[in-house]
């Protein structure tokens, strides 16, 4: 195990409106505000999203299983943002529900708000972690 100790910096509260790009907006806020490390929560609705719901088999490197939301869903979840090279990289896991169906997974692509989505972004000060590709896993992982 590796870890770093930091402090809570600024807190940003954002409201994303219908059809706005969730992942793109998170990245834009972090860049504009000069935030290099953050944790965040999302709550609200999404109309689109492509999520990974686990690997095909429990092997390394993993082959992801993808699911599309394809219609409006309620969403709640937690994520982190650290830079990979010159770009912020979001890692978000959430629960996505519609009627009596719930999907849980890692949001990776095609994220669009349904009606309204709220984000609370918490800056992590004194943390110099980054994301980098782990060749064995084939994934961008946290490097401390």
C-alpha atoms as a PDB file:
ATOM      1  CA  UNK A   1       0.000   0.000   0.000  1.00  0.00           C
ATOM      2  CA  UNK A   2       1.106   3.530  -0.786  1.00  0.00           C
ATOM      3  CA  UNK A   3      -0.544   6.711   0.403  1.00  0.00           C
ATOM      4  CA  UNK A   4      -0.165  10.447   0.835  1.00  0.00           C
ATOM      5  CA  UNK A   5      -1.679  12.813   3.376  1.00  0.00           C
ATOM      6  CA  UNK A   6      -3.059  16.156   2.268  1.00  0.00           C
ATOM      7  CA  UNK A   7      -5.730  18.663   3.185  1.00  0.00           C
ATOM      8  CA  UNK A   8      -9.078  19.741   1.845  1.00  0.00           C
ATOM      9  CA  UNK A   9      -8.759  22.829  -0.321  1.00  0.00           C
ATOM     10  CA  UNK A  10     -11.553  24.650  -2.120  1.00  0.00           C
ATOM     11  CA  UNK A  11     -15.010  23.174  -2.643  1.00  0.00           C
ATOM     12  CA  UNK A  12     -16.787  23.701  -5.961  1.00  0.00           C
ATOM     13  CA  UNK A  13     -20.527  23.144  -6.367  1.00  0.00           C
ATOM     14  CA  UNK A  14     -21.700  22.838  -9.981  1.00  0.00           C
ATOM     15  CA  UNK A  15     -25.036  22.328 -11.702  1.00  0.00           C
ATOM     16  CA  UNK A  16     -25.010  20.663 -15.119  1.00  0.00           C
ATOM     17  CA  UNK A  17     -28.087  21.246 -17.226  1.00  0.00           C
ATOM     18  CA  UNK A  18     -29.941  19.020 -19.680  1.00  0.00           C
ATOM     19  CA  UNK A  19     -27.717  17.408 -22.345  1.00  0.00           C
ATOM     20  CA  UNK A  20     -24.468  18.862 -20.967  1.00  0.00           C
ATOM     21  CA  UNK A  21     -21.359  16.659 -21.088  1.00  0.00           C
ATOM     22  CA  UNK A  22     -20.727  15.445 -17.532  1.00  0.00           C
ATOM     23  CA  UNK A  23     -17.138  14.215 -17.929  1.00  0.00           C
ATOM     24  CA  UNK A  24     -16.230  17.188 -20.125  1.00  0.00           C
ATOM     25  CA  UNK A  25     -17.646  19.681 -17.625  1.00  0.00           C
ATOM     26  CA  UNK A  26     -15.779  18.094 -14.713  1.00  0.00           C
ATOM     27  CA  UNK A  27     -12.535  18.319 -16.685  1.00  0.00           C
ATOM     28  CA  UNK A  28     -13.261  21.929 -17.701  1.00  0.00           C
ATOM     29  CA  UNK A  29     -13.880  23.025 -14.098  1.00  0.00           C
ATOM     30  CA  UNK A  30     -10.683  21.374 -12.845  1.00  0.00           C
ATOM     31  CA  UNK A  31      -8.614  22.990 -15.613  1.00  0.00           C
ATOM     32  CA  UNK A  32     -10.177  26.434 -15.212  1.00  0.00           C
ATOM     33  CA  UNK A  33      -9.745  26.418 -11.429  1.00  0.00           C
ATOM     34  CA  UNK A  34      -6.210  24.996 -11.494  1.00  0.00           C
ATOM     35  CA  UNK A  35      -7.156  21.954  -9.413  1.00  0.00           C
ATOM     36  CA  UNK A  36      -4.570  19.162  -9.686  1.00  0.00           C
ATOM     37  CA  UNK A  37      -6.275  16.584  -7.435  1.00  0.00           C
ATOM     38  CA  UNK A  38      -9.904  16.228  -6.386  1.00  0.00           C
ATOM     39  CA  UNK A  39     -12.636  13.967  -5.080  1.00  0.00           C
ATOM     40  CA  UNK A  40     -16.216  14.538  -6.180  1.00  0.00           C
ATOM     41  CA  UNK A  41     -19.806  13.414  -5.794  1.00  0.00           C
ATOM     42  CA  UNK A  42     -22.526  13.394  -8.451  1.00  0.00           C
ATOM     43  CA  UNK A  43     -26.281  13.249  -7.904  1.00  0.00           C
ATOM     44  CA  UNK A  44     -29.089  13.773 -10.395  1.00  0.00           C
ATOM     45  CA  UNK A  45     -30.008  12.490 -13.820  1.00  0.00           C
ATOM     46  CA  UNK A  46     -28.151  11.232 -16.872  1.00  0.00           C
ATOM     47  CA  UNK A  47     -29.630  10.541 -20.283  1.00  0.00           C
ATOM     48  CA  UNK A  48     -26.547   8.991 -21.842  1.00  0.00           C
ATOM     49  CA  UNK A  49     -23.493   7.215 -20.588  1.00  0.00           C
ATOM     50  CA  UNK A  50     -21.226   4.326 -21.387  1.00  0.00           C
ATOM     51  CA  UNK A  51     -20.127   2.374 -18.312  1.00  0.00           C
ATOM     52  CA  UNK A  52     -17.859  -0.550 -17.545  1.00  0.00           C
ATOM     53  CA  UNK A  53     -19.635  -3.103 -15.341  1.00  0.00           C
ATOM     54  CA  UNK A  54     -16.679  -5.373 -14.664  1.00  0.00           C
ATOM     55  CA  UNK A  55     -14.225  -7.577 -16.488  1.00  0.00           C
ATOM     56  CA  UNK A  56     -15.286 -10.514 -18.681  1.00  0.00           C
ATOM     57  CA  UNK A  57     -13.095 -12.800 -16.566  1.00  0.00           C
ATOM     58  CA  UNK A  58     -11.025 -12.318 -13.429  1.00  0.00           C
ATOM     59  CA  UNK A  59      -7.728 -12.096 -15.287  1.00  0.00           C
ATOM     60  CA  UNK A  60      -5.014  -9.559 -16.014  1.00  0.00           C
ATOM     61  CA  UNK A  61      -5.167  -7.615 -18.232  1.00  0.00           C
ATOM     62  CA  UNK A  62      -8.948  -7.363 -17.878  1.00  0.00           C
ATOM     63  CA  UNK A  63     -11.337  -7.300 -20.816  1.00  0.00           C
ATOM     64  CA  UNK A  64     -14.041  -4.760 -19.894  1.00  0.00           C
ATOM     65  CA  UNK A  65     -17.764  -5.430 -20.169  1.00  0.00           C
ATOM     66  CA  UNK A  66     -19.482  -2.287 -21.515  1.00  0.00           C
ATOM     67  CA  UNK A  67     -23.104  -1.209 -21.005  1.00  0.00           C
ATOM     68  CA  UNK A  68     -24.885   1.816 -22.476  1.00  0.00           C
ATOM     69  CA  UNK A  69     -27.412   3.705 -20.404  1.00  0.00           C
ATOM     70  CA  UNK A  70     -29.306   4.575 -23.586  1.00  0.00           C
ATOM     71  CA  UNK A  71     -32.076   6.514 -21.786  1.00  0.00           C
ATOM     72  CA  UNK A  72     -32.626   8.630 -18.693  1.00  0.00           C
ATOM     73  CA  UNK A  73     -31.371   7.217 -15.376  1.00  0.00           C
ATOM     74  CA  UNK A  74     -31.045   8.516 -11.844  1.00  0.00           C
ATOM     75  CA  UNK A  75     -27.387   8.587 -10.766  1.00  0.00           C
ATOM     76  CA  UNK A  76     -25.444   8.836  -7.544  1.00  0.00           C
ATOM     77  CA  UNK A  77     -21.768   8.158  -7.064  1.00  0.00           C
ATOM     78  CA  UNK A  78     -18.241   9.118  -6.128  1.00  0.00           C
ATOM     79  CA  UNK A  79     -15.098   9.785  -8.117  1.00  0.00           C
ATOM     80  CA  UNK A  80     -11.602  11.184  -8.191  1.00  0.00           C
ATOM     81  CA  UNK A  81      -9.728  13.407 -10.622  1.00  0.00           C
ATOM     82  CA  UNK A  82      -5.958  13.312 -11.081  1.00  0.00           C
ATOM     83  CA  UNK A  83      -3.903  14.373 -14.076  1.00  0.00           C
ATOM     84  CA  UNK A  84      -2.623  11.964 -16.706  1.00  0.00           C
ATOM     85  CA  UNK A  85       0.010  13.928 -18.587  1.00  0.00           C
ATOM     86  CA  UNK A  86      -1.427  17.388 -19.285  1.00  0.00           C
ATOM     87  CA  UNK A  87      -5.081  16.364 -18.974  1.00  0.00           C
ATOM     88  CA  UNK A  88      -7.296  15.650 -15.978  1.00  0.00           C
ATOM     89  CA  UNK A  89      -8.531  12.056 -15.856  1.00  0.00           C
ATOM     90  CA  UNK A  90     -11.854  11.319 -14.153  1.00  0.00           C
ATOM     91  CA  UNK A  91     -12.479   7.999 -12.369  1.00  0.00           C
ATOM     92  CA  UNK A  92     -16.145   7.754 -11.381  1.00  0.00           C
ATOM     93  CA  UNK A  93     -18.157   4.816 -10.068  1.00  0.00           C
ATOM     94  CA  UNK A  94     -21.867   5.214  -9.718  1.00  0.00           C
ATOM     95  CA  UNK A  95     -25.240   3.561  -9.455  1.00  0.00           C
ATOM     96  CA  UNK A  96     -27.522   4.260 -12.417  1.00  0.00           C
ATOM     97  CA  UNK A  97     -31.206   3.426 -11.893  1.00  0.00           C
ATOM     98  CA  UNK A  98     -34.316   3.357 -14.067  1.00  0.00           C
ATOM     99  CA  UNK A  99     -37.634   1.968 -12.761  1.00  0.00           C
ATOM    100  CA  UNK A 100     -36.759  -1.372 -11.114  1.00  0.00           C
ATOM    101  CA  UNK A 101     -33.396  -1.767 -12.900  1.00  0.00           C
ATOM    102  CA  UNK A 102     -30.063  -0.643 -11.435  1.00  0.00           C
ATOM    103  CA  UNK A 103     -26.650  -0.717 -13.078  1.00  0.00           C
ATOM    104  CA  UNK A 104     -23.462  -0.053 -11.148  1.00  0.00           C
ATOM    105  CA  UNK A 105     -20.278   0.758 -13.000  1.00  0.00           C
ATOM    106  CA  UNK A 106     -17.451   3.044 -14.029  1.00  0.00           C
ATOM    107  CA  UNK A 107     -18.569   5.906 -16.290  1.00  0.00           C
ATOM    108  CA  UNK A 108     -16.103   6.257 -19.153  1.00  0.00           C
ATOM    109  CA  UNK A 109     -17.761   7.735 -22.248  1.00  0.00           C
ATOM    110  CA  UNK A 110     -20.743   9.567 -23.747  1.00  0.00           C
ATOM    111  CA  UNK A 111     -21.940  11.243 -20.567  1.00  0.00           C
ATOM    112  CA  UNK A 112     -24.911  13.587 -20.899  1.00  0.00           C
ATOM    113  CA  UNK A 113     -27.110  15.134 -18.202  1.00  0.00           C
ATOM    114  CA  UNK A 114     -30.839  14.450 -18.036  1.00  0.00           C
ATOM    115  CA  UNK A 115     -32.632  17.543 -16.701  1.00  0.00           C
ATOM    116  CA  UNK A 116     -30.145  18.419 -13.947  1.00  0.00           C
ATOM    117  CA  UNK A 117     -27.064  16.904 -12.332  1.00  0.00           C
ATOM    118  CA  UNK A 118     -25.252  18.329  -9.322  1.00  0.00           C
ATOM    119  CA  UNK A 119     -21.539  17.938  -8.631  1.00  0.00           C
ATOM    120  CA  UNK A 120     -19.617  18.686  -5.453  1.00  0.00           C
ATOM    121  CA  UNK A 121     -15.881  18.810  -6.191  1.00  0.00           C
ATOM    122  CA  UNK A 122     -13.470  18.790  -3.248  1.00  0.00           C
ATOM    123  CA  UNK A 123      -9.942  19.949  -3.982  1.00  0.00           C
ATOM    124  CA  UNK A 124      -7.213  17.800  -2.409  1.00  0.00           C
ATOM    125  CA  UNK A 125      -4.268  20.041  -1.468  1.00  0.00           C
ATOM    126  CA  UNK A 126      -0.788  18.672  -0.843  1.00  0.00           C
ATOM    127  CA  UNK A 127      -1.384  15.539  -2.935  1.00  0.00           C
ATOM    128  CA  UNK A 128       0.906  15.048  -5.946  1.00  0.00           C
ATOM    129  CA  UNK A 129      -0.641  11.839  -7.288  1.00  0.00           C
ATOM    130  CA  UNK A 130      -1.073  11.325 -11.036  1.00  0.00           C
ATOM    131  CA  UNK A 131      -2.556   8.696 -13.335  1.00  0.00           C
ATOM    132  CA  UNK A 132      -0.306   6.688 -15.597  1.00  0.00           C
ATOM    133  CA  UNK A 133      -0.705   3.608 -17.763  1.00  0.00           C
ATOM    134  CA  UNK A 134       0.202   0.370 -15.991  1.00  0.00           C
ATOM    135  CA  UNK A 135       1.544  -1.855 -18.806  1.00  0.00           C
ATOM    136  CA  UNK A 136       0.553  -5.098 -17.058  1.00  0.00           C
ATOM    137  CA  UNK A 137      -3.037  -3.956 -16.466  1.00  0.00           C
ATOM    138  CA  UNK A 138      -3.422  -1.865 -19.612  1.00  0.00           C
ATOM    139  CA  UNK A 139      -5.203   0.772 -17.510  1.00  0.00           C
ATOM    140  CA  UNK A 140      -4.511   4.299 -16.296  1.00  0.00           C
ATOM    141  CA  UNK A 141      -3.941   3.791 -12.569  1.00  0.00           C
ATOM    142  CA  UNK A 142      -3.113   6.069  -9.644  1.00  0.00           C
ATOM    143  CA  UNK A 143       0.604   6.644  -9.050  1.00  0.00           C
ATOM    144  CA  UNK A 144       1.708   8.010  -5.669  1.00  0.00           C
END
